[in-house]
Amino acid sequence: MPVSPELLEILVCPDDHAPVRLVQEGRGLKCDRCHRVYPIRDDIPVMLIEEASVEADAPPHG
């Protein structure tokens, strides 16, 4: 079962608390502010900063 719309409404980036959106055909959640993409594994969002990837075009965060 994919991530529910209700869950998407309350999930935020753990780093900067910005909303996240589904990307990569539902396999990740992206924060548009810091450009981190959090993986979704077995339909469970993994909202850990150390598990996220940062898109190459992202500006330096800090």
N, C-alpha and C. Protein backbone atom coordinates (compact mmCIF):
# COMPACT_ATOMS: atom_id res chain seq x y z
N MET A 1 0.84 -1.18 0.00
CA MET A 1 0.00 0.00 0.00
C MET A 1 0.89 1.25 0.00
N PRO A 2 0.66 2.16 -0.92
CA PRO A 2 1.47 3.38 -0.96
C PRO A 2 1.21 4.27 0.25
N VAL A 3 2.05 5.28 0.41
CA VAL A 3 1.90 6.22 1.52
C VAL A 3 0.55 6.93 1.37
N SER A 4 -0.21 6.97 2.43
CA SER A 4 -1.54 7.54 2.37
C SER A 4 -1.49 9.07 2.27
N PRO A 5 -2.48 9.66 1.62
CA PRO A 5 -2.53 11.13 1.53
C PRO A 5 -2.58 11.79 2.91
N GLU A 6 -3.23 11.14 3.87
CA GLU A 6 -3.32 11.69 5.22
C GLU A 6 -1.93 11.76 5.86
N LEU A 7 -1.12 10.74 5.64
CA LEU A 7 0.23 10.74 6.19
C LEU A 7 1.09 11.79 5.49
N LEU A 8 0.94 11.91 4.19
CA LEU A 8 1.71 12.91 3.44
C LEU A 8 1.42 14.32 3.93
N GLU A 9 0.21 14.57 4.38
CA GLU A 9 -0.17 15.90 4.87
C GLU A 9 0.59 16.28 6.14
N ILE A 10 0.97 15.29 6.95
CA ILE A 10 1.60 15.63 8.23
C ILE A 10 3.12 15.41 8.24
N LEU A 11 3.65 14.70 7.23
CA LEU A 11 5.09 14.47 7.20
C LEU A 11 5.85 15.74 6.80
N VAL A 12 6.95 15.99 7.51
CA VAL A 12 7.82 17.12 7.19
C VAL A 12 9.26 16.64 7.25
N CYS A 13 10.15 17.40 6.63
CA CYS A 13 11.57 17.10 6.66
C CYS A 13 12.07 17.23 8.10
N PRO A 14 12.77 16.24 8.62
CA PRO A 14 13.26 16.33 9.99
C PRO A 14 14.37 17.37 10.17
N ASP A 15 14.97 17.83 9.07
CA ASP A 15 16.03 18.82 9.17
C ASP A 15 15.48 20.23 9.26
N ASP A 16 14.61 20.61 8.32
CA ASP A 16 14.15 22.00 8.31
C ASP A 16 12.64 22.15 8.45
N HIS A 17 11.94 21.05 8.68
CA HIS A 17 10.51 21.04 8.96
C HIS A 17 9.64 21.53 7.80
N ALA A 18 10.17 21.48 6.59
CA ALA A 18 9.40 21.84 5.41
C ALA A 18 8.58 20.63 4.95
N PRO A 19 7.48 20.85 4.27
CA PRO A 19 6.69 19.72 3.74
C PRO A 19 7.51 18.90 2.74
N VAL A 20 7.14 17.64 2.60
CA VAL A 20 7.77 16.76 1.63
C VAL A 20 6.73 16.32 0.62
N ARG A 21 7.21 15.87 -0.56
CA ARG A 21 6.30 15.40 -1.60
C ARG A 21 6.84 14.11 -2.20
N LEU A 22 5.94 13.31 -2.74
CA LEU A 22 6.33 12.05 -3.38
C LEU A 22 7.13 12.32 -4.64
N VAL A 23 8.21 11.56 -4.83
CA VAL A 23 9.04 11.62 -6.03
C VAL A 23 9.46 10.20 -6.39
N GLN A 24 10.17 10.06 -7.48
CA GLN A 24 10.73 8.78 -7.92
C GLN A 24 9.66 7.69 -8.00
N GLU A 25 8.54 8.06 -8.62
CA GLU A 25 7.43 7.11 -8.78
C GLU A 25 6.97 6.51 -7.46
N GLY A 26 6.94 7.33 -6.41
CA GLY A 26 6.47 6.88 -5.11
C GLY A 26 7.51 6.17 -4.27
N ARG A 27 8.79 6.22 -4.68
CA ARG A 27 9.83 5.52 -3.92
C ARG A 27 10.62 6.45 -3.00
N GLY A 28 10.22 7.73 -2.97
CA GLY A 28 10.93 8.68 -2.11
C GLY A 28 10.08 9.88 -1.78
N LEU A 29 10.48 10.61 -0.74
CA LEU A 29 9.83 11.84 -0.33
C LEU A 29 10.87 12.94 -0.37
N LYS A 30 10.58 14.02 -1.10
CA LYS A 30 11.57 15.07 -1.29
C LYS A 30 11.17 16.34 -0.55
N CYS A 31 12.17 16.95 0.07
CA CYS A 31 12.03 18.27 0.66
C CYS A 31 12.56 19.26 -0.37
N ASP A 32 11.71 20.17 -0.83
CA ASP A 32 12.15 21.13 -1.84
C ASP A 32 13.05 22.21 -1.25
N ARG A 33 13.05 22.38 0.04
CA ARG A 33 13.89 23.40 0.65
C ARG A 33 15.35 22.97 0.73
N CYS A 34 15.61 21.77 1.27
CA CYS A 34 17.00 21.31 1.43
C CYS A 34 17.40 20.28 0.39
N HIS A 35 16.46 19.85 -0.45
CA HIS A 35 16.70 18.92 -1.57
C HIS A 35 17.04 17.50 -1.11
N ARG A 36 16.74 17.16 0.12
CA ARG A 36 16.94 15.79 0.57
C ARG A 36 15.79 14.93 0.06
N VAL A 37 16.11 13.68 -0.30
CA VAL A 37 15.11 12.70 -0.71
C VAL A 37 15.19 11.55 0.28
N TYR A 38 14.09 11.35 0.99
CA TYR A 38 14.01 10.29 2.00
C TYR A 38 13.42 9.05 1.35
N PRO A 39 14.03 7.89 1.54
CA PRO A 39 13.53 6.68 0.88
C PRO A 39 12.23 6.18 1.51
N ILE A 40 11.47 5.44 0.71
CA ILE A 40 10.30 4.72 1.19
C ILE A 40 10.62 3.25 1.01
N ARG A 41 10.66 2.53 2.11
CA ARG A 41 10.99 1.10 2.06
C ARG A 41 9.82 0.29 2.60
N ASP A 42 9.37 -0.66 1.85
CA ASP A 42 8.22 -1.49 2.23
C ASP A 42 7.03 -0.63 2.61
N ASP A 43 6.80 0.43 1.82
CA ASP A 43 5.70 1.37 2.03
C ASP A 43 5.81 2.20 3.31
N ILE A 44 7.00 2.25 3.90
CA ILE A 44 7.22 3.02 5.12
C ILE A 44 8.25 4.11 4.84
N PRO A 45 7.89 5.38 5.03
CA PRO A 45 8.86 6.46 4.84
C PRO A 45 9.96 6.39 5.90
N VAL A 46 11.20 6.45 5.46
CA VAL A 46 12.35 6.44 6.36
C VAL A 46 12.81 7.89 6.50
N MET A 47 12.31 8.56 7.54
CA MET A 47 12.54 9.99 7.71
C MET A 47 13.75 10.25 8.62
N LEU A 48 14.87 9.65 8.25
CA LEU A 48 16.12 9.84 8.98
C LEU A 48 17.08 10.61 8.08
N ILE A 49 17.66 11.68 8.60
CA ILE A 49 18.56 12.51 7.80
C ILE A 49 19.70 11.69 7.22
N GLU A 50 20.25 10.78 8.02
CA GLU A 50 21.40 9.99 7.56
C GLU A 50 21.02 8.98 6.48
N GLU A 51 19.74 8.70 6.29
CA GLU A 51 19.29 7.79 5.24
C GLU A 51 18.93 8.52 3.95
N ALA A 52 18.81 9.83 4.01
CA ALA A 52 18.40 10.61 2.85
C ALA A 52 19.56 10.83 1.89
N SER A 53 19.21 10.98 0.63
CA SER A 53 20.20 11.40 -0.37
C SER A 53 19.91 12.86 -0.69
N VAL A 54 20.93 13.56 -1.17
CA VAL A 54 20.76 14.96 -1.56
C VAL A 54 20.97 15.04 -3.06
N GLU A 55 20.03 15.65 -3.75
CA GLU A 55 20.15 15.76 -5.20
C GLU A 55 21.35 16.60 -5.56
N ALA A 56 22.00 16.25 -6.65
CA ALA A 56 23.24 16.89 -7.08
C ALA A 56 23.08 18.38 -7.35
N ASP A 57 21.92 18.81 -7.80
CA ASP A 57 21.72 20.23 -8.12
C ASP A 57 21.37 21.08 -6.91
N ALA A 58 21.39 20.47 -5.74
CA ALA A 58 21.02 21.19 -4.52
C ALA A 58 22.11 22.15 -4.09
N PRO A 59 21.74 23.32 -3.58
CA PRO A 59 22.76 24.22 -3.05
C PRO A 59 23.31 23.67 -1.74
N PRO A 60 24.49 24.10 -1.32
CA PRO A 60 25.04 23.62 -0.05
C PRO A 60 24.10 23.98 1.09
N HIS A 61 23.97 23.06 2.02
CA HIS A 61 23.09 23.27 3.17
C HIS A 61 23.95 23.54 4.38
N GLY A 62 23.57 24.51 5.15
CA GLY A 62 24.38 24.69 6.34
C GLY A 62 24.13 25.94 6.98
